[in-house]
Amino acid sequence: MTLKEVGIVIGKKLLTRRRAIRINPVMVSFKDTEVKTGGLLTGWYGEAKSVKKAKANYCKRIRGQILVTDAMLKTRKETQLPPRITVK
């Protein structure tokens, strides 16, 4: 499954942000999503020096995890991600 396909399944866009720091200034994550780890919801993101590498980093971090969208709303949805997610 690709990162784009994950976005389609969960119905969320991938956000790209830039930080004013030298080390890993690019961050990517899906809008309004958290990862369920044990009993906690935590915000995960990919980070790197380029958008492509940040997306690859995000794929590595979220693969096999449970992604929760709209956690505090009635539209909350939990999606078990596959063990392999690629950028393309």
Protein backbone atom coordinates (compact mmCIF):
# COMPACT_ATOMS: atom_id res chain seq x y z
CA MET A 1 0.00 0.00 0.00
CA THR A 2 1.23 3.51 -0.76
CA LEU A 3 1.06 6.55 1.47
CA LYS A 4 -1.42 8.10 -0.97
CA GLU A 5 -3.66 5.01 -0.72
CA VAL A 6 -3.57 5.24 3.10
CA GLY A 7 -4.79 8.83 2.79
CA ILE A 8 -7.66 7.73 0.56
CA VAL A 9 -8.68 4.93 2.95
CA ILE A 10 -8.68 7.18 6.02
CA GLY A 11 -10.05 10.20 4.15
CA LYS A 12 -7.31 12.60 5.24
CA LYS A 13 -4.71 14.71 3.45
CA LEU A 14 -1.00 14.48 4.08
CA LEU A 15 0.29 17.74 5.53
CA THR A 16 3.81 19.03 4.95
CA ARG A 17 5.32 21.56 7.33
CA ARG A 18 8.70 23.27 7.37
CA ARG A 19 10.54 24.24 10.53
CA ALA A 20 13.21 26.90 10.88
CA ILE A 21 15.91 24.46 12.00
CA ARG A 22 18.78 22.87 10.12
CA ILE A 23 18.36 19.28 11.20
CA ASN A 24 15.29 17.66 9.62
CA PRO A 25 13.37 20.85 8.76
CA VAL A 26 10.54 19.03 6.92
CA MET A 27 7.71 17.27 8.78
CA VAL A 28 4.82 15.25 7.29
CA SER A 29 1.73 13.65 8.83
CA PHE A 30 -1.93 13.08 8.08
CA LYS A 31 -4.31 15.82 9.20
CA ASP A 32 -6.28 15.11 12.40
CA THR A 33 -4.69 11.71 13.06
CA GLU A 34 -2.93 10.03 15.95
CA VAL A 35 -1.37 6.62 16.45
CA LYS A 36 -2.84 4.33 19.09
CA THR A 37 -0.03 2.96 21.25
CA GLY A 38 -1.28 0.86 24.14
CA GLY A 39 -3.95 3.00 25.78
CA LEU A 40 -2.57 6.31 24.49
CA LEU A 41 -3.02 8.37 21.36
CA THR A 42 0.18 10.04 20.22
CA GLY A 43 0.99 12.33 17.32
CA TRP A 44 3.53 10.77 14.97
CA TYR A 45 5.19 12.42 12.00
CA GLY A 46 7.97 11.82 9.52
CA GLU A 47 10.91 14.18 9.48
CA ALA A 48 13.91 14.69 7.21
CA LYS A 49 15.77 17.25 5.14
CA SER A 50 13.52 16.74 2.08
CA VAL A 51 9.81 16.05 1.57
CA LYS A 52 10.49 12.70 -0.12
CA LYS A 53 12.70 11.50 2.74
CA ALA A 54 10.22 12.78 5.34
CA LYS A 55 7.46 10.76 3.64
CA ALA A 56 9.67 7.66 3.66
CA ASN A 57 10.41 8.23 7.36
CA TYR A 58 6.67 8.57 8.09
CA CYS A 59 5.97 5.31 6.23
CA LYS A 60 8.51 3.49 8.42
CA ARG A 61 7.03 4.92 11.61
CA ILE A 62 3.34 4.25 10.98
CA ARG A 63 3.49 0.86 9.23
CA GLY A 64 1.61 -1.83 11.15
CA GLN A 65 0.17 0.72 13.61
CA ILE A 66 -3.44 1.64 14.39
CA LEU A 67 -4.16 5.09 12.98
CA VAL A 68 -7.00 7.00 14.67
CA THR A 69 -8.74 9.81 12.80
CA ASP A 70 -10.96 12.45 14.42
CA ALA A 71 -10.27 10.99 17.86
CA MET A 72 -12.55 13.32 19.83
CA LEU A 73 -15.45 13.42 17.36
CA LYS A 74 -18.41 11.18 16.58
CA THR A 75 -16.71 10.43 13.25
CA ARG A 76 -13.77 8.73 15.04
CA LYS A 77 -12.29 5.89 13.00
CA GLU A 78 -9.52 3.40 13.79
CA THR A 79 -7.62 1.86 10.90
CA GLN A 80 -5.07 -0.95 11.21
CA LEU A 81 -2.30 -0.12 8.77
CA PRO A 82 -0.48 -2.81 6.79
CA PRO A 83 3.07 -3.85 7.70
CA ARG A 84 4.39 -2.38 4.44
CA ILE A 85 3.70 1.19 3.32
CA THR A 86 5.67 2.85 0.53
CA VAL A 87 5.95 6.43 -0.70
CA LYS A 88 5.01 5.41 -4.26
